[in-house]
N, C-alpha and C. Protein backbone atom coordinates (compact mmCIF):
# COMPACT_ATOMS: atom_id res chain seq x y z
N UNK A 1 -124.16 149.67 -69.15
CA UNK A 1 -123.03 149.68 -70.20
C UNK A 1 -122.47 148.14 -69.98
N UNK A 2 -122.35 147.61 -71.10
CA UNK A 2 -121.84 145.95 -71.28
C UNK A 2 -120.25 145.91 -71.54
N UNK A 3 -119.60 145.39 -70.81
CA UNK A 3 -118.18 145.10 -71.33
C UNK A 3 -118.24 143.92 -72.38
N UNK A 4 -117.68 144.10 -73.65
CA UNK A 4 -117.41 143.05 -74.41
C UNK A 4 -116.10 142.79 -74.62
N UNK A 5 -115.26 143.15 -73.68
CA UNK A 5 -113.77 142.25 -73.96
C UNK A 5 -114.11 140.94 -73.60
N UNK A 6 -112.81 140.02 -74.17
CA UNK A 6 -113.05 138.66 -73.58
C UNK A 6 -112.61 138.65 -72.26
N UNK A 7 -113.18 137.48 -71.56
CA UNK A 7 -113.00 137.60 -70.05
C UNK A 7 -111.55 137.27 -69.97
N UNK A 8 -110.70 137.72 -68.96
CA UNK A 8 -109.54 137.45 -68.47
C UNK A 8 -109.49 135.46 -68.23
N UNK A 9 -108.46 135.03 -68.26
CA UNK A 9 -107.86 133.34 -68.22
C UNK A 9 -108.41 133.31 -66.60
N UNK A 10 -109.01 132.29 -66.58
CA UNK A 10 -109.36 131.68 -65.00
C UNK A 10 -108.62 130.58 -64.66
N UNK A 11 -108.40 130.56 -63.47
CA UNK A 11 -108.07 129.38 -62.90
C UNK A 11 -108.87 128.17 -62.96
N UNK A 12 -108.44 126.82 -63.28
CA UNK A 12 -109.09 125.63 -63.06
C UNK A 12 -109.16 125.28 -61.58
N UNK A 13 -109.79 124.23 -61.26
CA UNK A 13 -109.33 123.38 -60.17
C UNK A 13 -108.05 122.82 -59.56
N UNK A 14 -107.17 122.93 -60.92
CA UNK A 14 -105.75 122.65 -60.55
C UNK A 14 -104.78 123.91 -60.57
N UNK A 15 -105.46 125.05 -60.74
CA UNK A 15 -104.73 126.38 -60.73
C UNK A 15 -103.96 126.61 -61.83
N UNK A 16 -104.55 125.68 -63.12
CA UNK A 16 -103.95 126.15 -64.42
C UNK A 16 -104.86 127.31 -65.14
N UNK A 17 -104.08 128.30 -65.76
CA UNK A 17 -104.91 129.23 -66.59
C UNK A 17 -105.46 128.78 -67.67
N UNK A 18 -106.97 129.10 -67.97
CA UNK A 18 -107.36 128.54 -68.98
C UNK A 18 -108.08 129.83 -69.74
N UNK A 19 -108.51 129.45 -71.11
CA UNK A 19 -109.17 130.29 -71.68
C UNK A 19 -110.70 129.70 -72.56
N UNK A 20 -111.77 130.11 -71.93
CA UNK A 20 -112.79 129.61 -72.62
C UNK A 20 -112.82 127.91 -71.91
N UNK A 21 -112.33 127.73 -70.82
CA UNK A 21 -112.30 126.51 -70.30
C UNK A 21 -111.22 125.29 -70.91
N UNK A 22 -110.32 125.86 -71.91
CA UNK A 22 -109.37 125.05 -72.28
C UNK A 22 -107.72 125.53 -71.94
N UNK A 23 -106.86 124.79 -71.57
CA UNK A 23 -105.85 125.24 -71.24
C UNK A 23 -105.02 126.07 -72.13
N UNK A 24 -104.32 127.03 -71.67
CA UNK A 24 -103.34 128.04 -72.68
C UNK A 24 -102.39 127.34 -73.25
N UNK A 25 -102.16 127.67 -74.52
CA UNK A 25 -100.91 126.56 -75.27
C UNK A 25 -99.38 126.67 -74.31
N UNK A 26 -99.00 125.50 -74.16
CA UNK A 26 -97.99 125.35 -73.57
C UNK A 26 -97.96 125.01 -72.08
N UNK A 27 -99.28 124.94 -71.46
CA UNK A 27 -99.64 124.83 -70.49
C UNK A 27 -99.57 123.46 -70.04
N UNK A 28 -98.81 123.00 -68.99
CA UNK A 28 -98.71 121.55 -68.34
C UNK A 28 -100.35 121.19 -67.54
N UNK A 29 -100.92 120.61 -67.94
CA UNK A 29 -101.85 120.37 -66.86
C UNK A 29 -102.13 119.38 -66.19
N UNK A 30 -101.71 118.91 -64.54
CA UNK A 30 -101.53 117.82 -63.90
C UNK A 30 -102.68 117.21 -63.85
N UNK A 31 -102.54 116.14 -63.73
CA UNK A 31 -103.90 115.01 -63.16
C UNK A 31 -103.53 114.77 -61.98
N UNK A 32 -105.13 114.44 -61.65
CA UNK A 32 -105.47 114.11 -60.19
C UNK A 32 -104.84 112.81 -59.84
N UNK A 33 -104.43 112.60 -58.70
CA UNK A 33 -103.79 111.19 -58.24
C UNK A 33 -104.75 110.23 -58.57
N UNK A 34 -106.11 110.42 -58.16
CA UNK A 34 -107.10 109.49 -58.58
C UNK A 34 -107.46 108.99 -59.93
N UNK A 35 -106.75 109.57 -60.79
CA UNK A 35 -107.18 109.62 -62.51
C UNK A 35 -106.58 108.20 -62.66
N UNK A 36 -107.55 107.68 -63.74
CA UNK A 36 -107.24 106.49 -64.17
C UNK A 36 -105.85 106.12 -64.87
N UNK A 37 -105.31 107.22 -65.47
CA UNK A 37 -103.96 107.15 -66.16
C UNK A 37 -102.86 106.84 -65.13
N UNK A 38 -103.19 106.88 -63.78
CA UNK A 38 -102.03 106.62 -62.81
C UNK A 38 -101.99 105.07 -62.53
N UNK A 39 -103.13 104.44 -62.76
CA UNK A 39 -103.10 102.99 -62.80
C UNK A 39 -102.70 101.89 -63.98
N UNK A 40 -101.99 103.03 -64.72
CA UNK A 40 -101.84 102.05 -66.40
C UNK A 40 -100.10 101.56 -65.52
N UNK A 41 -100.10 100.32 -66.10
CA UNK A 41 -98.92 99.70 -65.63
C UNK A 41 -97.69 99.86 -66.55
N UNK A 42 -96.72 99.87 -66.17
CA UNK A 42 -95.52 100.29 -66.89
C UNK A 42 -94.40 99.38 -66.61
N UNK A 43 -93.36 98.95 -67.60
CA UNK A 43 -92.26 98.05 -67.46
C UNK A 43 -91.25 98.65 -66.77
N UNK A 44 -90.70 98.32 -65.95
CA UNK A 44 -89.60 98.72 -65.00
C UNK A 44 -88.41 98.06 -65.11
N UNK A 45 -87.19 98.19 -65.45
CA UNK A 45 -85.93 97.20 -65.45
C UNK A 45 -85.12 97.96 -64.86
N UNK A 46 -84.44 97.13 -64.15
CA UNK A 46 -82.87 97.56 -63.71
C UNK A 46 -81.93 96.79 -64.54
N UNK A 47 -81.12 97.56 -65.25
CA UNK A 47 -80.14 96.94 -65.91
C UNK A 47 -79.01 97.06 -65.34
N UNK A 48 -78.25 95.92 -64.94
CA UNK A 48 -77.21 95.70 -64.11
C UNK A 48 -75.78 95.84 -64.70
N UNK A 49 -75.70 95.56 -66.04
CA UNK A 49 -74.94 95.54 -67.09
C UNK A 49 -75.27 94.68 -68.38
N UNK A 50 -74.44 94.69 -69.45
CA UNK A 50 -74.74 93.87 -70.55
C UNK A 50 -73.32 93.00 -70.92
N UNK A 51 -73.90 92.08 -71.95
CA UNK A 51 -72.89 91.42 -72.48
C UNK A 51 -73.03 90.95 -73.86
N UNK A 52 -72.11 90.55 -74.93
CA UNK A 52 -72.36 89.75 -76.36
C UNK A 52 -71.80 88.67 -76.25
N UNK A 53 -72.63 87.92 -76.69
CA UNK A 53 -72.26 86.38 -76.69
C UNK A 53 -72.92 86.00 -78.18
N UNK A 54 -71.95 85.16 -78.81
CA UNK A 54 -72.24 84.60 -79.90
C UNK A 54 -73.60 83.41 -79.66
N UNK A 55 -74.40 83.23 -80.78
CA UNK A 55 -75.13 81.90 -80.42
C UNK A 55 -74.48 80.55 -80.13
N UNK A 56 -73.43 80.28 -80.55
CA UNK A 56 -72.75 79.30 -79.97
C UNK A 56 -72.32 79.13 -78.79
N UNK A 57 -71.83 80.48 -78.20
CA UNK A 57 -71.39 80.39 -76.70
C UNK A 57 -72.61 80.51 -76.19
N UNK A 58 -73.79 81.08 -76.28
CA UNK A 58 -75.06 81.02 -75.43
C UNK A 58 -75.71 79.53 -75.30
N UNK A 59 -75.32 78.67 -76.55
CA UNK A 59 -75.95 77.22 -76.42
C UNK A 59 -75.12 76.68 -75.55
N UNK A 60 -73.95 76.98 -75.25
CA UNK A 60 -72.92 76.36 -74.43
C UNK A 60 -73.30 76.42 -73.07
N UNK A 61 -73.90 77.46 -72.45
CA UNK A 61 -74.10 77.59 -71.40
C UNK A 61 -74.97 76.57 -70.60
N UNK A 62 -74.73 76.50 -69.45
CA UNK A 62 -75.25 75.36 -68.47
C UNK A 62 -75.65 76.04 -67.25
N UNK A 63 -76.31 75.21 -66.34
CA UNK A 63 -76.32 75.50 -64.90
C UNK A 63 -75.22 75.92 -64.15
N UNK A 64 -75.12 76.89 -63.41
CA UNK A 64 -73.80 77.34 -62.89
C UNK A 64 -72.83 78.48 -63.43
N UNK A 65 -73.38 78.32 -64.92
CA UNK A 65 -72.21 79.14 -65.85
C UNK A 65 -72.50 80.64 -65.46
N UNK A 66 -71.16 81.49 -65.54
CA UNK A 66 -71.35 82.64 -65.14
C UNK A 66 -71.26 83.35 -66.53
N UNK A 67 -71.84 84.78 -66.50
CA UNK A 67 -71.83 85.53 -67.79
C UNK A 67 -71.01 86.99 -67.43
N UNK A 68 -69.94 87.39 -68.04
CA UNK A 68 -69.15 88.59 -67.04
C UNK A 68 -70.05 89.64 -68.01
N UNK A 69 -70.28 90.58 -67.27
CA UNK A 69 -71.04 91.92 -67.52
C UNK A 69 -69.99 93.23 -67.76
N UNK A 70 -70.52 93.99 -68.76
CA UNK A 70 -69.43 95.32 -68.90
C UNK A 70 -69.44 96.30 -67.80
N UNK A 71 -70.30 95.70 -66.59
CA UNK A 71 -70.20 96.84 -65.62
C UNK A 71 -69.42 96.36 -64.41
N UNK A 72 -68.81 97.36 -63.65
CA UNK A 72 -68.13 97.12 -62.84
C UNK A 72 -68.71 97.33 -61.38
N UNK A 73 -68.39 96.56 -60.43
CA UNK A 73 -69.04 96.88 -59.22
C UNK A 73 -68.85 98.12 -58.61
N UNK A 74 -70.07 98.77 -58.26
CA UNK A 74 -70.17 100.23 -57.47
C UNK A 74 -70.72 100.98 -58.53
N UNK A 75 -70.44 100.48 -59.82
CA UNK A 75 -71.25 101.64 -60.96
C UNK A 75 -72.74 101.81 -60.86
N UNK A 76 -73.04 102.99 -61.25
CA UNK A 76 -74.41 103.18 -60.99
C UNK A 76 -75.16 102.12 -62.07
N UNK A 77 -76.31 101.78 -61.72
CA UNK A 77 -76.88 100.83 -62.75
C UNK A 77 -78.03 101.59 -63.68
N UNK A 78 -78.64 100.92 -64.75
CA UNK A 78 -79.26 101.94 -65.56
C UNK A 78 -81.01 101.45 -65.02
N UNK A 79 -81.84 102.39 -64.82
CA UNK A 79 -83.43 102.07 -64.46
C UNK A 79 -84.00 102.66 -65.99
N UNK A 80 -84.72 101.75 -66.40
CA UNK A 80 -85.36 101.88 -67.55
C UNK A 80 -87.16 101.65 -67.29
N UNK A 81 -87.79 102.56 -67.97
CA UNK A 81 -89.37 102.46 -67.95
C UNK A 81 -89.85 102.57 -69.27
N UNK A 82 -90.47 101.33 -69.50
CA UNK A 82 -91.07 101.25 -70.82
C UNK A 82 -90.15 101.52 -71.97
N UNK A 83 -88.70 100.98 -72.04
CA UNK A 83 -88.23 101.05 -72.85
C UNK A 83 -87.06 102.29 -73.02
N UNK A 84 -87.42 103.12 -72.03
CA UNK A 84 -86.53 104.66 -72.04
C UNK A 84 -85.67 104.41 -70.87
N UNK A 85 -84.64 105.12 -71.10
CA UNK A 85 -83.79 105.25 -69.75
C UNK A 85 -84.06 106.39 -68.96
N UNK A 86 -84.58 106.24 -67.71
CA UNK A 86 -84.85 107.36 -67.02
C UNK A 86 -84.33 107.95 -65.73
N UNK A 87 -83.62 107.10 -64.94
CA UNK A 87 -82.57 107.09 -64.00
C UNK A 87 -81.41 106.44 -63.88
N UNK A 88 -80.87 106.48 -63.23
CA UNK A 88 -79.38 105.81 -62.37
C UNK A 88 -79.63 105.64 -60.91
N UNK A 89 -79.10 104.16 -60.72
CA UNK A 89 -79.49 103.78 -59.12
C UNK A 89 -78.21 102.93 -58.64
N UNK A 90 -78.41 102.31 -57.43
CA UNK A 90 -77.61 101.41 -56.89
C UNK A 90 -78.43 100.13 -56.55
N UNK A 91 -77.78 99.19 -56.36
CA UNK A 91 -78.23 98.07 -55.75
C UNK A 91 -78.60 97.85 -54.44
N UNK A 92 -79.31 97.62 -53.66
CA UNK A 92 -79.57 97.62 -51.94
C UNK A 92 -80.38 96.19 -51.86
N UNK A 93 -80.01 95.94 -50.53
CA UNK A 93 -80.71 94.64 -50.40
C UNK A 93 -81.74 94.97 -49.00
N UNK A 94 -83.06 94.58 -49.14
CA UNK A 94 -83.95 94.77 -48.18
C UNK A 94 -84.75 93.42 -47.84
N UNK A 95 -84.05 93.04 -46.63
CA UNK A 95 -84.64 91.83 -46.14
C UNK A 95 -83.79 90.62 -47.38
N UNK A 96 -84.40 89.84 -47.61
CA UNK A 96 -83.90 88.86 -48.75
C UNK A 96 -84.20 89.17 -49.79
N UNK A 97 -84.37 90.37 -50.35
CA UNK A 97 -84.83 90.90 -51.64
C UNK A 97 -83.70 92.02 -52.29
N UNK A 98 -83.41 91.72 -53.49
CA UNK A 98 -82.41 92.78 -54.14
C UNK A 98 -83.35 94.13 -54.52
N UNK A 99 -83.30 95.18 -54.21
CA UNK A 99 -83.92 96.10 -54.55
C UNK A 99 -82.99 97.36 -55.62
N UNK A 100 -83.28 98.39 -55.74
CA UNK A 100 -82.88 99.50 -56.43
C UNK A 100 -82.96 101.12 -55.75
N UNK A 101 -81.98 101.48 -55.25
CA UNK A 101 -82.50 102.95 -54.91
C UNK A 101 -81.97 104.01 -56.17
N UNK A 102 -82.83 104.58 -56.40
CA UNK A 102 -82.52 105.62 -57.59
C UNK A 102 -81.90 106.76 -56.94
N UNK A 103 -80.70 106.97 -57.87
CA UNK A 103 -79.47 108.14 -57.38
C UNK A 103 -79.42 109.39 -57.93
N UNK A 104 -80.13 109.23 -59.39
CA UNK A 104 -80.44 110.27 -60.24
C UNK A 104 -81.49 110.12 -61.39
N UNK A 105 -82.11 111.03 -61.27
CA UNK A 105 -83.13 110.92 -62.55
C UNK A 105 -82.70 111.85 -63.48
N UNK A 106 -82.70 111.00 -64.74
CA UNK A 106 -82.12 111.79 -66.06
C UNK A 106 -83.40 112.78 -66.77
N UNK A 107 -82.72 113.73 -67.50
CA UNK A 107 -83.70 114.21 -68.35
C UNK A 107 -83.84 113.83 -69.43
N UNK A 108 -85.54 113.65 -69.60
CA UNK A 108 -85.93 112.75 -70.58
C UNK A 108 -85.97 113.67 -71.84
N UNK A 109 -85.36 113.30 -73.01
CA UNK A 109 -85.26 114.22 -74.31
C UNK A 109 -86.61 114.16 -75.09
N UNK A 110 -86.89 115.18 -75.61
CA UNK A 110 -88.27 115.23 -76.54
C UNK A 110 -87.95 114.41 -77.52
N UNK A 111 -89.07 113.69 -78.22
CA UNK A 111 -88.81 112.62 -79.32
C UNK A 111 -88.40 111.48 -79.26
């Protein structure tokens, strides 16, 4: 007697359910850490604050000029990856380098 029903979903190497080798709709398939996608460089920026200057004021700036930012001391700074705000953090000093400690990872909206 032959069973002609479709085989049940099976687990892939990463534990994700599949049908016929393809992930089920809506399934997030993790990439293995050695995957080449993890070696793609991304731009990370830590934004301390912002300022608006006219071109005239910008041209007057010289060595030692101070630009006042809209941020206050102690406020979280924004962390951007590839032009998308993804986290908040705070400045820390590590040896003679400025660094950023992530304090909150933001929910990334679709679209």
